[in-house]
C-alpha atoms as a PDB file:
ATOM      1  CA  ALA A   1       0.000   0.000   0.000  1.00  0.00           C
ATOM      2  CA  LYS A   2       1.162   3.493  -0.751  1.00  0.00           C
ATOM      3  CA  PRO A   3       1.913   5.696   2.230  1.00  0.00           C
ATOM      4  CA  GLU A   4      -0.873   8.104   3.095  1.00  0.00           C
ATOM      5  CA  VAL A   5      -0.095  11.642   2.051  1.00  0.00           C
ATOM      6  CA  ASP A   6      -2.036  14.839   2.150  1.00  0.00           C
ATOM      7  CA  LEU A   7      -3.111  16.080  -1.243  1.00  0.00           C
ATOM      8  CA  VAL A   8      -3.092  19.628  -2.511  1.00  0.00           C
ATOM      9  CA  ASP A   9      -5.913  20.713  -4.812  1.00  0.00           C
ATOM     10  CA  ALA A  10      -4.275  23.598  -6.625  1.00  0.00           C
ATOM     11  CA  VAL A  11      -0.879  25.178  -6.907  1.00  0.00           C
ATOM     12  CA  ARG A  12      -0.507  28.767  -8.051  1.00  0.00           C
ATOM     13  CA  GLY A  13       2.675  30.673  -8.570  1.00  0.00           C
ATOM     14  CA  LYS A  14       4.802  32.843 -10.777  1.00  0.00           C
ATOM     15  CA  VAL A  15       8.154  32.207 -12.404  1.00  0.00           C
ATOM     16  CA  LEU A  16      10.705  34.997 -12.759  1.00  0.00           C
ATOM     17  CA  LEU A  17      13.846  35.097 -14.868  1.00  0.00           C
ATOM     18  CA  PRO A  18      17.141  35.949 -13.146  1.00  0.00           C
ATOM     19  CA  THR A  19      16.514  39.543 -14.212  1.00  0.00           C
ATOM     20  CA  GLY A  20      13.301  39.590 -12.187  1.00  0.00           C
ATOM     21  CA  LYS A  21      11.139  39.763 -15.316  1.00  0.00           C
ATOM     22  CA  PRO A  22       8.400  37.148 -15.677  1.00  0.00           C
ATOM     23  CA  LEU A  23       9.047  34.051 -17.751  1.00  0.00           C
ATOM     24  CA  LYS A  24       6.800  34.583 -20.773  1.00  0.00           C
ATOM     25  CA  GLY A  25       5.784  31.114 -21.831  1.00  0.00           C
ATOM     26  CA  GLY A  26       6.990  27.561 -21.759  1.00  0.00           C
ATOM     27  CA  SER A  27       5.962  25.337 -18.903  1.00  0.00           C
ATOM     28  CA  VAL A  28       7.054  24.512 -15.395  1.00  0.00           C
ATOM     29  CA  VAL A  29       7.696  20.966 -14.280  1.00  0.00           C
ATOM     30  CA  LEU A  30       7.306  20.095 -10.617  1.00  0.00           C
ATOM     31  CA  ARG A  31       9.433  17.060  -9.971  1.00  0.00           C
ATOM     32  CA  PRO A  32       8.920  15.260  -6.660  1.00  0.00           C
ATOM     33  CA  THR A  33      12.002  14.980  -4.468  1.00  0.00           C
ATOM     34  CA  ALA A  34      13.191  11.621  -3.172  1.00  0.00           C
ATOM     35  CA  ALA A  35      10.964  11.890  -0.109  1.00  0.00           C
ATOM     36  CA  LEU A  36       7.922  11.608  -2.386  1.00  0.00           C
ATOM     37  CA  ALA A  37       9.239   8.725  -4.469  1.00  0.00           C
ATOM     38  CA  GLY A  38       6.480   6.284  -5.301  1.00  0.00           C
ATOM     39  CA  VAL A  39       3.838   8.711  -4.071  1.00  0.00           C
ATOM     40  CA  ALA A  40       3.924  11.654  -6.436  1.00  0.00           C
ATOM     41  CA  GLN A  41       4.399  12.049 -10.172  1.00  0.00           C
ATOM     42  CA  PRO A  42       6.011  14.977 -11.970  1.00  0.00           C
ATOM     43  CA  VAL A  43       3.422  17.562 -12.918  1.00  0.00           C
ATOM     44  CA  THR A  44       3.627  20.089 -15.740  1.00  0.00           C
ATOM     45  CA  ALA A  45       1.821  23.402 -16.093  1.00  0.00           C
ATOM     46  CA  GLU A  46       1.786  26.002 -18.840  1.00  0.00           C
ATOM     47  CA  VAL A  47       3.257  29.389 -17.971  1.00  0.00           C
ATOM     48  CA  ASP A  48       1.224  32.443 -18.996  1.00  0.00           C
ATOM     49  CA  SER A  49       2.754  35.555 -20.502  1.00  0.00           C
ATOM     50  CA  ASP A  50       2.854  37.201 -17.078  1.00  0.00           C
ATOM     51  CA  GLY A  51       4.891  34.329 -15.668  1.00  0.00           C
ATOM     52  CA  SER A  52       2.030  32.791 -13.711  1.00  0.00           C
ATOM     53  CA  PHE A  53       1.027  29.150 -13.637  1.00  0.00           C
ATOM     54  CA  VAL A  54      -1.831  27.211 -12.116  1.00  0.00           C
ATOM     55  CA  ILE A  55      -2.011  23.494 -11.491  1.00  0.00           C
ATOM     56  CA  GLU A  56      -5.537  22.394 -10.743  1.00  0.00           C
ATOM     57  CA  GLY A  57      -5.602  19.147  -8.832  1.00  0.00           C
ATOM     58  CA  GLY A  58      -9.154  18.289  -9.815  1.00  0.00           C
ATOM     59  CA  ASP A  59      -8.188  15.302 -11.951  1.00  0.00           C
ATOM     60  CA  ALA A  60      -7.133  12.254 -10.019  1.00  0.00           C
ATOM     61  CA  ASP A  61      -3.857  12.067 -11.932  1.00  0.00           C
ATOM     62  CA  LYS A  62      -3.063  15.704 -11.163  1.00  0.00           C
ATOM     63  CA  LYS A  63      -3.499  15.413  -7.425  1.00  0.00           C
ATOM     64  CA  LEU A  64      -0.371  16.736  -5.856  1.00  0.00           C
ATOM     65  CA  ALA A  65       1.039  15.100  -2.779  1.00  0.00           C
ATOM     66  CA  ALA A  66       2.009  17.605  -0.111  1.00  0.00           C
ATOM     67  CA  GLY A  67       5.782  17.660   0.082  1.00  0.00           C
ATOM     68  CA  GLU A  68       8.861  18.974  -1.673  1.00  0.00           C
ATOM     69  CA  TYR A  69       9.215  19.404  -5.403  1.00  0.00           C
ATOM     70  CA  LYS A  70      12.057  20.701  -7.505  1.00  0.00           C
ATOM     71  CA  VAL A  71      10.929  23.137 -10.153  1.00  0.00           C
ATOM     72  CA  PHE A  72      12.244  23.034 -13.710  1.00  0.00           C
ATOM     73  CA  VAL A  73      11.386  24.974 -16.846  1.00  0.00           C
ATOM     74  CA  ASN A  74      10.538  23.297 -20.144  1.00  0.00           C
ATOM     75  CA  LEU A  75      10.955  25.445 -23.253  1.00  0.00           C
ATOM     76  CA  SER A  76      11.896  22.756 -25.703  1.00  0.00           C
ATOM     77  CA  SER A  77       8.848  22.372 -27.877  1.00  0.00           C
ATOM     78  CA  ASN A  78       8.482  25.845 -29.322  1.00  0.00           C
ATOM     79  CA  PRO A  79      10.855  27.666 -31.686  1.00  0.00           C
ATOM     80  CA  LYS A  80       9.505  30.963 -30.346  1.00  0.00           C
ATOM     81  CA  HIS A  81      11.148  30.110 -27.053  1.00  0.00           C
ATOM     82  CA  ARG A  82      14.689  30.242 -28.424  1.00  0.00           C
ATOM     83  CA  SER A  83      15.341  33.662 -26.913  1.00  0.00           C
ATOM     84  CA  LEU A  84      13.885  32.439 -23.621  1.00  0.00           C
ATOM     85  CA  GLN A  85      16.199  29.439 -23.681  1.00  0.00           C
ATOM     86  CA  ARG A  86      19.123  31.860 -23.586  1.00  0.00           C
ATOM     87  CA  GLN A  87      17.643  33.682 -20.607  1.00  0.00           C
ATOM     88  CA  VAL A  88      16.816  30.626 -18.528  1.00  0.00           C
ATOM     89  CA  PRO A  89      19.942  29.160 -16.887  1.00  0.00           C
ATOM     90  CA  GLU A  90      20.693  25.646 -18.067  1.00  0.00           C
ATOM     91  CA  LYS A  91      20.251  24.111 -14.614  1.00  0.00           C
ATOM     92  CA  TYR A  92      16.519  24.842 -14.777  1.00  0.00           C
ATOM     93  CA  GLN A  93      16.130  23.305 -18.216  1.00  0.00           C
ATOM     94  CA  SER A  94      17.779  19.956 -17.509  1.00  0.00           C
ATOM     95  CA  ILE A  95      14.837  18.179 -15.954  1.00  0.00           C
ATOM     96  CA  GLY A  96      16.713  14.899 -15.649  1.00  0.00           C
ATOM     97  CA  ASP A  97      19.369  16.450 -13.411  1.00  0.00           C
ATOM     98  CA  ASP A  98      19.020  17.654  -9.858  1.00  0.00           C
ATOM     99  CA  ASP A  99      20.549  21.034 -10.521  1.00  0.00           C
ATOM    100  CA  SER A 100      17.523  23.247  -9.993  1.00  0.00           C
ATOM    101  CA  ASP A 101      17.673  25.196  -6.748  1.00  0.00           C
ATOM    102  CA  LEU A 102      13.997  26.114  -6.953  1.00  0.00           C
ATOM    103  CA  ILE A 103      12.232  23.955  -4.395  1.00  0.00           C
ATOM    104  CA  ILE A 104       8.660  24.310  -3.229  1.00  0.00           C
ATOM    105  CA  ASP A 105       7.147  22.520  -0.280  1.00  0.00           C
ATOM    106  CA  LEU A 106       3.446  21.988  -0.821  1.00  0.00           C
ATOM    107  CA  ALA A 107       3.091  20.866   2.775  1.00  0.00           C
ATOM    108  CA  GLU A 108       3.784  24.468   3.757  1.00  0.00           C
ATOM    109  CA  GLN A 109       1.990  26.439   1.068  1.00  0.00           C
ATOM    110  CA  ALA A 110       0.403  25.853  -2.312  1.00  0.00           C
ATOM    111  CA  GLU A 111      -0.398  29.352  -3.518  1.00  0.00           C
ATOM    112  CA  GLY A 112       1.442  32.560  -4.092  1.00  0.00           C
ATOM    113  CA  PHE A 113       4.818  31.114  -4.979  1.00  0.00           C
ATOM    114  CA  VAL A 114       7.297  33.447  -6.575  1.00  0.00           C
ATOM    115  CA  LEU A 115      10.057  31.365  -8.112  1.00  0.00           C
ATOM    116  CA  LYS A 116      12.999  33.547  -9.088  1.00  0.00           C
ATOM    117  CA  MET A 117      15.759  31.856 -11.016  1.00  0.00           C
ATOM    118  CA  ASN A 118      19.370  32.258 -10.026  1.00  0.00           C
ATOM    119  CA  LYS A 119      22.165  32.997 -12.458  1.00  0.00           C
ATOM    120  CA  ASN A 120      24.739  31.080 -10.409  1.00  0.00           C
ATOM    121  CA  LYS A 121      25.677  27.609 -11.517  1.00  0.00           C
ATOM    122  CA  ILE A 122      24.548  25.870  -8.328  1.00  0.00           C
END
């Protein structure tokens, strides 16, 4: 049996580039940390032109377990995002790695995140 975890219905936040400007497009990927292994799946949400994103947990498969997630940015699918790819540090684009230093803990809050990227390597 899977361990019991609290579920979060919706996550709302905003993603900022290292310059402090909003990320205009692409998507965010919330990847569960090791503590949520076997309980939570990665979840993706589109980013609006003002940098905001909403993950509605209404669907069973989108229910988010309360806990820590690393946040990555996915810009790969759209040629229009080429200029964004240059502005988003590589560590946030390599979803397979653990390099992102953006971590959110849904056990503590699920709304009003402001995720500002860091220029530094790690």
